[in-house]
Amino acid sequence: MELLEPLIPTCRSCLEHRHSYVRKNAVFAVYSIYREFEHLIPDAPELMHTFLIAETDSTCKRNAFVFLAHCSMQKAVEYVLSIYDSIPSLEEALQMSIVEVIRLDCKSDSAHRVRGTSLSLSLDPLLTCLQRRHAGFAASWNC
């Protein structure tokens, strides 16, 4: 832990590096540190959510989204709902990660299980389930 503390600012700055390879690995580094020593980067979920919104590289986006899925499901769901209309145009790896988050979030509701993985998959029932389970995003829904 003492060795990691001085590296935290460097990891944060690497999230803004000009090369996507560096940013991708910075996401992994932040995830590894947060998983073992959450107190060293207590704002990591918010940091990754901000990173995810601003990022343009699909691999970096996917890695940041997977981070959120494992560390802050609420932030992952918030991101999915914010990009609802653009899901069909996303890279396949990110789409699959989104489908996995939807599946995990709606696991108890068998009517909304994913039936396929193609890009033309209709996500409306699954996203409706997310909206119902997270009333903060759609206050008019009653579960």
N, C-alpha and C. Protein backbone atom coordinates (compact mmCIF):
# COMPACT_ATOMS: atom_id res chain seq x y z
N MET A 1 0.83 -1.19 0.00
CA MET A 1 0.00 0.00 0.00
C MET A 1 0.88 1.26 0.00
N GLU A 2 1.94 1.25 0.74
CA GLU A 2 2.83 2.41 0.79
C GLU A 2 3.46 2.69 -0.56
N LEU A 3 3.64 1.64 -1.33
CA LEU A 3 4.20 1.81 -2.68
C LEU A 3 3.18 2.38 -3.65
N LEU A 4 1.90 2.11 -3.40
CA LEU A 4 0.85 2.56 -4.31
C LEU A 4 0.48 4.03 -4.14
N GLU A 5 0.51 4.52 -2.93
CA GLU A 5 0.06 5.89 -2.66
C GLU A 5 0.70 6.94 -3.57
N PRO A 6 2.02 6.91 -3.78
CA PRO A 6 2.60 7.93 -4.68
C PRO A 6 2.22 7.74 -6.15
N LEU A 7 1.71 6.56 -6.51
CA LEU A 7 1.36 6.29 -7.90
C LEU A 7 -0.06 6.72 -8.27
N ILE A 8 -0.87 7.03 -7.29
CA ILE A 8 -2.27 7.39 -7.55
C ILE A 8 -2.38 8.61 -8.47
N PRO A 9 -1.66 9.71 -8.22
CA PRO A 9 -1.75 10.86 -9.13
C PRO A 9 -1.32 10.51 -10.57
N THR A 10 -0.33 9.65 -10.70
CA THR A 10 0.13 9.23 -12.03
C THR A 10 -0.95 8.43 -12.73
N CYS A 11 -1.58 7.51 -12.01
CA CYS A 11 -2.67 6.72 -12.60
C CYS A 11 -3.80 7.63 -13.07
N ARG A 12 -4.15 8.60 -12.25
CA ARG A 12 -5.21 9.55 -12.63
C ARG A 12 -4.82 10.34 -13.88
N SER A 13 -3.59 10.79 -13.93
CA SER A 13 -3.17 11.59 -15.08
C SER A 13 -3.10 10.74 -16.35
N CYS A 14 -2.79 9.46 -16.20
CA CYS A 14 -2.74 8.58 -17.38
C CYS A 14 -4.11 8.36 -18.01
N LEU A 15 -5.18 8.62 -17.26
CA LEU A 15 -6.53 8.52 -17.82
C LEU A 15 -6.77 9.60 -18.88
N GLU A 16 -5.92 10.63 -18.90
CA GLU A 16 -6.05 11.72 -19.86
C GLU A 16 -4.93 11.71 -20.90
N HIS A 17 -4.17 10.64 -20.94
CA HIS A 17 -3.04 10.54 -21.87
C HIS A 17 -3.54 10.55 -23.31
N ARG A 18 -2.72 10.99 -24.24
CA ARG A 18 -3.14 11.09 -25.63
C ARG A 18 -3.24 9.75 -26.34
N HIS A 19 -2.56 8.72 -25.83
CA HIS A 19 -2.61 7.39 -26.46
C HIS A 19 -3.63 6.51 -25.73
N SER A 20 -4.49 5.89 -26.51
CA SER A 20 -5.54 5.06 -25.91
C SER A 20 -4.98 3.86 -25.16
N TYR A 21 -3.84 3.35 -25.62
CA TYR A 21 -3.21 2.22 -24.93
C TYR A 21 -2.89 2.58 -23.48
N VAL A 22 -2.41 3.78 -23.26
CA VAL A 22 -2.08 4.23 -21.91
C VAL A 22 -3.36 4.40 -21.09
N ARG A 23 -4.38 5.01 -21.69
CA ARG A 23 -5.65 5.20 -20.99
C ARG A 23 -6.29 3.86 -20.61
N LYS A 24 -6.25 2.91 -21.55
CA LYS A 24 -6.82 1.59 -21.30
C LYS A 24 -6.15 0.93 -20.10
N ASN A 25 -4.84 0.99 -20.05
CA ASN A 25 -4.11 0.39 -18.93
C ASN A 25 -4.27 1.19 -17.64
N ALA A 26 -4.50 2.48 -17.75
CA ALA A 26 -4.76 3.28 -16.56
C ALA A 26 -6.08 2.87 -15.92
N VAL A 27 -7.07 2.55 -16.75
CA VAL A 27 -8.34 2.04 -16.22
C VAL A 27 -8.11 0.75 -15.44
N PHE A 28 -7.32 -0.17 -16.02
CA PHE A 28 -7.00 -1.41 -15.33
C PHE A 28 -6.28 -1.14 -14.01
N ALA A 29 -5.35 -0.21 -14.03
CA ALA A 29 -4.59 0.12 -12.81
C ALA A 29 -5.52 0.67 -11.72
N VAL A 30 -6.38 1.60 -12.10
CA VAL A 30 -7.31 2.18 -11.13
C VAL A 30 -8.23 1.10 -10.59
N TYR A 31 -8.70 0.22 -11.46
CA TYR A 31 -9.58 -0.87 -11.02
C TYR A 31 -8.86 -1.78 -10.02
N SER A 32 -7.63 -2.15 -10.33
CA SER A 32 -6.86 -3.04 -9.44
C SER A 32 -6.61 -2.39 -8.08
N ILE A 33 -6.27 -1.13 -8.11
CA ILE A 33 -6.03 -0.41 -6.84
C ILE A 33 -7.32 -0.29 -6.05
N TYR A 34 -8.40 0.10 -6.72
CA TYR A 34 -9.68 0.30 -6.04
C TYR A 34 -10.21 -1.01 -5.46
N ARG A 35 -10.03 -2.09 -6.19
CA ARG A 35 -10.52 -3.40 -5.74
C ARG A 35 -9.83 -3.83 -4.44
N GLU A 36 -8.55 -3.57 -4.33
CA GLU A 36 -7.79 -4.02 -3.15
C GLU A 36 -7.70 -2.96 -2.06
N PHE A 37 -7.62 -1.69 -2.46
CA PHE A 37 -7.43 -0.60 -1.50
C PHE A 37 -8.38 0.54 -1.83
N GLU A 38 -9.65 0.32 -1.61
CA GLU A 38 -10.68 1.29 -1.97
C GLU A 38 -10.42 2.67 -1.38
N HIS A 39 -9.85 2.72 -0.21
CA HIS A 39 -9.62 4.00 0.46
C HIS A 39 -8.56 4.86 -0.25
N LEU A 40 -7.74 4.28 -1.12
CA LEU A 40 -6.73 5.06 -1.83
C LEU A 40 -7.34 5.89 -2.97
N ILE A 41 -8.41 5.38 -3.55
CA ILE A 41 -9.12 6.12 -4.61
C ILE A 41 -10.62 6.03 -4.31
N PRO A 42 -11.07 6.72 -3.28
CA PRO A 42 -12.48 6.59 -2.90
C PRO A 42 -13.46 7.10 -3.95
N ASP A 43 -13.00 7.99 -4.81
CA ASP A 43 -13.88 8.55 -5.85
C ASP A 43 -13.74 7.82 -7.18
N ALA A 44 -13.19 6.61 -7.18
CA ALA A 44 -12.94 5.88 -8.44
C ALA A 44 -14.20 5.67 -9.27
N PRO A 45 -15.35 5.29 -8.69
CA PRO A 45 -16.54 5.13 -9.54
C PRO A 45 -16.95 6.43 -10.25
N GLU A 46 -16.89 7.55 -9.54
CA GLU A 46 -17.22 8.83 -10.17
C GLU A 46 -16.18 9.20 -11.22
N LEU A 47 -14.92 8.91 -10.91
CA LEU A 47 -13.83 9.16 -11.85
C LEU A 47 -14.03 8.36 -13.14
N MET A 48 -14.39 7.08 -13.01
CA MET A 48 -14.61 6.23 -14.18
C MET A 48 -15.86 6.64 -14.95
N HIS A 49 -16.88 7.07 -14.24
CA HIS A 49 -18.10 7.52 -14.93
C HIS A 49 -17.80 8.76 -15.77
N THR A 50 -17.07 9.70 -15.20
CA THR A 50 -16.66 10.90 -15.94
C THR A 50 -15.78 10.54 -17.12
N PHE A 51 -14.84 9.64 -16.89
CA PHE A 51 -13.94 9.16 -17.95
C PHE A 51 -14.76 8.52 -19.08
N LEU A 52 -15.71 7.69 -18.72
CA LEU A 52 -16.53 6.97 -19.70
C LEU A 52 -17.32 7.93 -20.58
N ILE A 53 -17.86 8.95 -20.01
CA ILE A 53 -18.65 9.92 -20.77
C ILE A 53 -17.77 10.68 -21.78
N ALA A 54 -16.55 11.00 -21.38
CA ALA A 54 -15.67 11.81 -22.22
C ALA A 54 -14.85 10.97 -23.21
N GLU A 55 -14.67 9.70 -22.95
CA GLU A 55 -13.78 8.85 -23.75
C GLU A 55 -14.33 8.59 -25.15
N THR A 56 -13.42 8.48 -26.12
CA THR A 56 -13.81 8.20 -27.50
C THR A 56 -13.37 6.82 -27.98
N ASP A 57 -12.35 6.24 -27.38
CA ASP A 57 -11.85 4.94 -27.79
C ASP A 57 -12.77 3.84 -27.25
N SER A 58 -13.19 2.92 -28.13
CA SER A 58 -14.17 1.91 -27.74
C SER A 58 -13.63 0.93 -26.70
N THR A 59 -12.37 0.57 -26.78
CA THR A 59 -11.80 -0.36 -25.80
C THR A 59 -11.71 0.29 -24.43
N CYS A 60 -11.31 1.53 -24.40
CA CYS A 60 -11.25 2.27 -23.13
C CYS A 60 -12.64 2.41 -22.53
N LYS A 61 -13.62 2.70 -23.37
CA LYS A 61 -15.00 2.82 -22.90
C LYS A 61 -15.48 1.51 -22.30
N ARG A 62 -15.21 0.41 -22.99
CA ARG A 62 -15.63 -0.89 -22.49
C ARG A 62 -14.99 -1.20 -21.15
N ASN A 63 -13.69 -0.96 -21.03
CA ASN A 63 -13.00 -1.24 -19.78
C ASN A 63 -13.54 -0.39 -18.63
N ALA A 64 -13.80 0.87 -18.91
CA ALA A 64 -14.36 1.74 -17.87
C ALA A 64 -15.77 1.30 -17.49
N PHE A 65 -16.54 0.87 -18.47
CA PHE A 65 -17.89 0.39 -18.18
C PHE A 65 -17.85 -0.88 -17.33
N VAL A 66 -16.95 -1.79 -17.67
CA VAL A 66 -16.81 -3.02 -16.88
C VAL A 66 -16.40 -2.68 -15.44
N PHE A 67 -15.50 -1.70 -15.30
CA PHE A 67 -15.14 -1.22 -13.96
C PHE A 67 -16.39 -0.81 -13.21
N LEU A 68 -17.23 0.01 -13.83
CA LEU A 68 -18.45 0.47 -13.16
C LEU A 68 -19.38 -0.68 -12.83
N ALA A 69 -19.48 -1.65 -13.73
CA ALA A 69 -20.36 -2.79 -13.50
C ALA A 69 -19.92 -3.58 -12.27
N HIS A 70 -18.63 -3.63 -12.03
CA HIS A 70 -18.11 -4.38 -10.88
C HIS A 70 -18.04 -3.55 -9.61
N CYS A 71 -17.90 -2.26 -9.72
CA CYS A 71 -17.68 -1.42 -8.54
C CYS A 71 -18.83 -0.49 -8.20
N SER A 72 -19.67 -0.17 -9.16
CA SER A 72 -20.79 0.73 -8.91
C SER A 72 -21.89 0.47 -9.94
N MET A 73 -22.71 -0.52 -9.65
CA MET A 73 -23.78 -0.89 -10.58
C MET A 73 -24.69 0.30 -10.87
N GLN A 74 -24.94 1.12 -9.86
CA GLN A 74 -25.81 2.29 -10.06
C GLN A 74 -25.24 3.22 -11.13
N LYS A 75 -23.93 3.46 -11.09
CA LYS A 75 -23.29 4.31 -12.11
C LYS A 75 -23.34 3.63 -13.48
N ALA A 76 -23.18 2.32 -13.53
CA ALA A 76 -23.26 1.59 -14.80
C ALA A 76 -24.66 1.72 -15.39
N VAL A 77 -25.66 1.55 -14.56
CA VAL A 77 -27.05 1.69 -15.02
C VAL A 77 -27.33 3.11 -15.48
N GLU A 78 -26.83 4.07 -14.74
CA GLU A 78 -26.99 5.48 -15.11
C GLU A 78 -26.41 5.73 -16.50
N TYR A 79 -25.23 5.17 -16.76
CA TYR A 79 -24.60 5.33 -18.07
C TYR A 79 -25.45 4.68 -19.16
N VAL A 80 -25.93 3.45 -18.92
CA VAL A 80 -26.75 2.75 -19.92
C VAL A 80 -27.98 3.58 -20.26
N LEU A 81 -28.64 4.10 -19.25
CA LEU A 81 -29.84 4.89 -19.51
C LEU A 81 -29.53 6.20 -20.23
N SER A 82 -28.33 6.74 -20.01
CA SER A 82 -27.98 8.00 -20.66
C SER A 82 -27.63 7.82 -22.14
N ILE A 83 -27.26 6.60 -22.55
CA ILE A 83 -26.91 6.35 -23.95
C ILE A 83 -27.93 5.45 -24.64
N TYR A 84 -29.10 5.37 -24.08
CA TYR A 84 -30.15 4.47 -24.56
C TYR A 84 -30.28 4.45 -26.08
N ASP A 85 -30.40 5.60 -26.69
CA ASP A 85 -30.66 5.66 -28.14
C ASP A 85 -29.47 5.24 -28.99
N SER A 86 -28.27 5.32 -28.45
CA SER A 86 -27.09 5.00 -29.26
C SER A 86 -26.55 3.58 -29.05
N ILE A 87 -27.19 2.78 -28.23
CA ILE A 87 -26.70 1.43 -27.96
C ILE A 87 -26.52 0.61 -29.23
N PRO A 88 -27.45 0.63 -30.18
CA PRO A 88 -27.26 -0.19 -31.39
C PRO A 88 -26.04 0.20 -32.23
N SER A 89 -25.56 1.42 -32.09
CA SER A 89 -24.42 1.87 -32.90
C SER A 89 -23.08 1.72 -32.18
N LEU A 90 -23.08 1.22 -30.95
CA LEU A 90 -21.84 1.05 -30.20
C LEU A 90 -21.06 -0.17 -30.70
N GLU A 91 -19.80 -0.21 -30.35
CA GLU A 91 -18.97 -1.37 -30.67
C GLU A 91 -19.54 -2.61 -29.98
N GLU A 92 -19.35 -3.75 -30.61
CA GLU A 92 -19.93 -4.99 -30.10
C GLU A 92 -19.47 -5.35 -28.69
N ALA A 93 -18.20 -5.14 -28.37
CA ALA A 93 -17.70 -5.48 -27.04
C ALA A 93 -18.40 -4.67 -25.96
N LEU A 94 -18.63 -3.40 -26.23
CA LEU A 94 -19.34 -2.56 -25.26
C LEU A 94 -20.81 -2.97 -25.19
N GLN A 95 -21.41 -3.30 -26.32
CA GLN A 95 -22.79 -3.77 -26.32
C GLN A 95 -22.93 -5.03 -25.46
N MET A 96 -21.99 -5.94 -25.60
CA MET A 96 -22.05 -7.17 -24.82
C MET A 96 -21.92 -6.88 -23.33
N SER A 97 -21.08 -5.94 -22.98
CA SER A 97 -20.94 -5.56 -21.57
C SER A 97 -22.22 -4.93 -21.05
N ILE A 98 -22.86 -4.13 -21.88
CA ILE A 98 -24.13 -3.50 -21.51
C ILE A 98 -25.20 -4.57 -21.32
N VAL A 99 -25.26 -5.52 -22.23
CA VAL A 99 -26.23 -6.61 -22.10
C VAL A 99 -25.99 -7.39 -20.81
N GLU A 100 -24.74 -7.62 -20.47
CA GLU A 100 -24.41 -8.33 -19.24
C GLU A 100 -24.88 -7.56 -18.01
N VAL A 101 -24.68 -6.25 -18.00
CA VAL A 101 -25.14 -5.44 -16.87
C VAL A 101 -26.66 -5.49 -16.79
N ILE A 102 -27.32 -5.38 -17.91
CA ILE A 102 -28.79 -5.46 -17.91
C ILE A 102 -29.23 -6.83 -17.39
N ARG A 103 -28.56 -7.87 -17.83
CA ARG A 103 -28.90 -9.23 -17.38
C ARG A 103 -28.73 -9.36 -15.87
N LEU A 104 -27.62 -8.87 -15.36
CA LEU A 104 -27.38 -8.95 -13.92
C LEU A 104 -28.39 -8.14 -13.13
N ASP A 105 -28.71 -6.97 -13.64
CA ASP A 105 -29.63 -6.09 -12.94
C ASP A 105 -31.05 -6.61 -12.96
N CYS A 106 -31.41 -7.31 -14.01
CA CYS A 106 -32.78 -7.81 -14.17
C CYS A 106 -32.87 -9.31 -13.94
N LYS A 107 -31.87 -9.87 -13.30
CA LYS A 107 -31.77 -11.31 -13.14
C LYS A 107 -33.02 -11.94 -12.52
N SER A 108 -33.61 -11.28 -11.59
CA SER A 108 -34.77 -11.86 -10.91
C SER A 108 -36.03 -11.82 -11.76
N ASP A 109 -36.04 -11.09 -12.83
CA ASP A 109 -37.22 -10.95 -13.68
C ASP A 109 -37.01 -11.77 -14.95
N SER A 110 -37.50 -13.01 -14.94
CA SER A 110 -37.25 -13.92 -16.06
C SER A 110 -37.86 -13.44 -17.37
N ALA A 111 -38.85 -12.57 -17.33
CA ALA A 111 -39.47 -12.07 -18.56
C ALA A 111 -38.54 -11.15 -19.34
N HIS A 112 -37.47 -10.70 -18.70
CA HIS A 112 -36.57 -9.76 -19.36
C HIS A 112 -35.18 -10.33 -19.62
N ARG A 113 -35.04 -11.63 -19.64
CA ARG A 113 -33.72 -12.23 -19.90
C ARG A 113 -33.33 -12.04 -21.35
N VAL A 114 -32.06 -11.90 -21.55
CA VAL A 114 -31.54 -11.69 -22.90
C VAL A 114 -31.72 -12.97 -23.70
N ARG A 115 -32.28 -12.86 -24.90
CA ARG A 115 -32.53 -14.04 -25.73
C ARG A 115 -31.54 -14.17 -26.87
N GLY A 116 -30.72 -13.19 -27.07
CA GLY A 116 -29.74 -13.25 -28.15
C GLY A 116 -28.68 -12.20 -27.96
N THR A 117 -27.63 -12.25 -28.77
CA THR A 117 -26.52 -11.32 -28.61
C THR A 117 -26.22 -10.52 -29.87
N SER A 118 -27.04 -10.61 -30.88
CA SER A 118 -26.74 -9.88 -32.11
C SER A 118 -26.96 -8.39 -31.92
N LEU A 119 -26.39 -7.62 -32.80
CA LEU A 119 -26.51 -6.16 -32.71
C LEU A 119 -27.95 -5.69 -32.92
N SER A 120 -28.76 -6.49 -33.59
CA SER A 120 -30.14 -6.09 -33.85
C SER A 120 -31.07 -6.49 -32.72
N LEU A 121 -30.52 -6.98 -31.61
CA LEU A 121 -31.29 -7.39 -30.44
C LEU A 121 -32.13 -6.22 -29.93
N SER A 122 -33.38 -6.48 -29.69
CA SER A 122 -34.24 -5.43 -29.14
C SER A 122 -34.00 -5.32 -27.65
N LEU A 123 -33.54 -4.17 -27.20
CA LEU A 123 -33.20 -3.97 -25.80
C LEU A 123 -34.30 -3.27 -25.01
N ASP A 124 -35.41 -2.93 -25.65
CA ASP A 124 -36.46 -2.20 -24.95
C ASP A 124 -36.96 -2.87 -23.67
N PRO A 125 -37.31 -4.16 -23.68
CA PRO A 125 -37.79 -4.76 -22.42
C PRO A 125 -36.74 -4.72 -21.31
N LEU A 126 -35.50 -4.92 -21.67
CA LEU A 126 -34.44 -4.92 -20.65
C LEU A 126 -34.20 -3.53 -20.09
N LEU A 127 -34.20 -2.53 -20.96
CA LEU A 127 -34.00 -1.17 -20.48
C LEU A 127 -35.19 -0.69 -19.67
N THR A 128 -36.39 -1.16 -20.02
CA THR A 128 -37.56 -0.84 -19.23
C THR A 128 -37.41 -1.41 -17.82
N CYS A 129 -36.88 -2.61 -17.74
CA CYS A 129 -36.63 -3.22 -16.43
C CYS A 129 -35.66 -2.37 -15.62
N LEU A 130 -34.60 -1.87 -16.25
CA LEU A 130 -33.64 -1.01 -15.56
C LEU A 130 -34.35 0.24 -15.03
N GLN A 131 -35.18 0.84 -15.86
CA GLN A 131 -35.86 2.05 -15.44
C GLN A 131 -36.77 1.78 -14.25
N ARG A 132 -37.43 0.63 -14.27
CA ARG A 132 -38.32 0.29 -13.16
C ARG A 132 -37.54 0.06 -11.87
N ARG A 133 -36.40 -0.62 -11.98
CA ARG A 133 -35.62 -0.97 -10.79
C ARG A 133 -34.90 0.25 -10.23
N HIS A 134 -34.69 1.25 -11.02
CA HIS A 134 -33.95 2.44 -10.57
C HIS A 134 -34.87 3.64 -10.73
N ALA A 135 -35.78 3.75 -9.80
CA ALA A 135 -36.84 4.75 -9.86
C ALA A 135 -36.31 6.17 -9.95
N GLY A 136 -35.09 6.41 -9.54
CA GLY A 136 -34.52 7.75 -9.63
C GLY A 136 -34.42 8.25 -11.05
N PHE A 137 -34.39 7.33 -12.01
CA PHE A 137 -34.27 7.72 -13.41
C PHE A 137 -35.64 7.90 -14.05
N ALA A 138 -36.62 7.29 -13.49
CA ALA A 138 -37.98 7.44 -14.03
C ALA A 138 -38.95 7.43 -12.86
N ALA A 139 -39.18 8.57 -12.28
CA ALA A 139 -39.96 8.68 -11.05
C ALA A 139 -41.39 8.18 -11.23
N SER A 140 -41.90 8.16 -12.44
CA SER A 140 -43.30 7.77 -12.65
C SER A 140 -43.50 6.24 -12.66
N TRP A 141 -42.43 5.47 -12.67
CA TRP A 141 -42.54 4.00 -12.69
C TRP A 141 -42.86 3.49 -11.29
N ASN A 142 -43.75 2.54 -11.21
CA ASN A 142 -44.05 1.88 -9.94
C ASN A 142 -43.74 0.40 -10.07
N CYS A 143 -42.94 -0.14 -9.14
CA CYS A 143 -42.61 -1.57 -9.17
C CYS A 143 -43.46 -2.32 -8.17
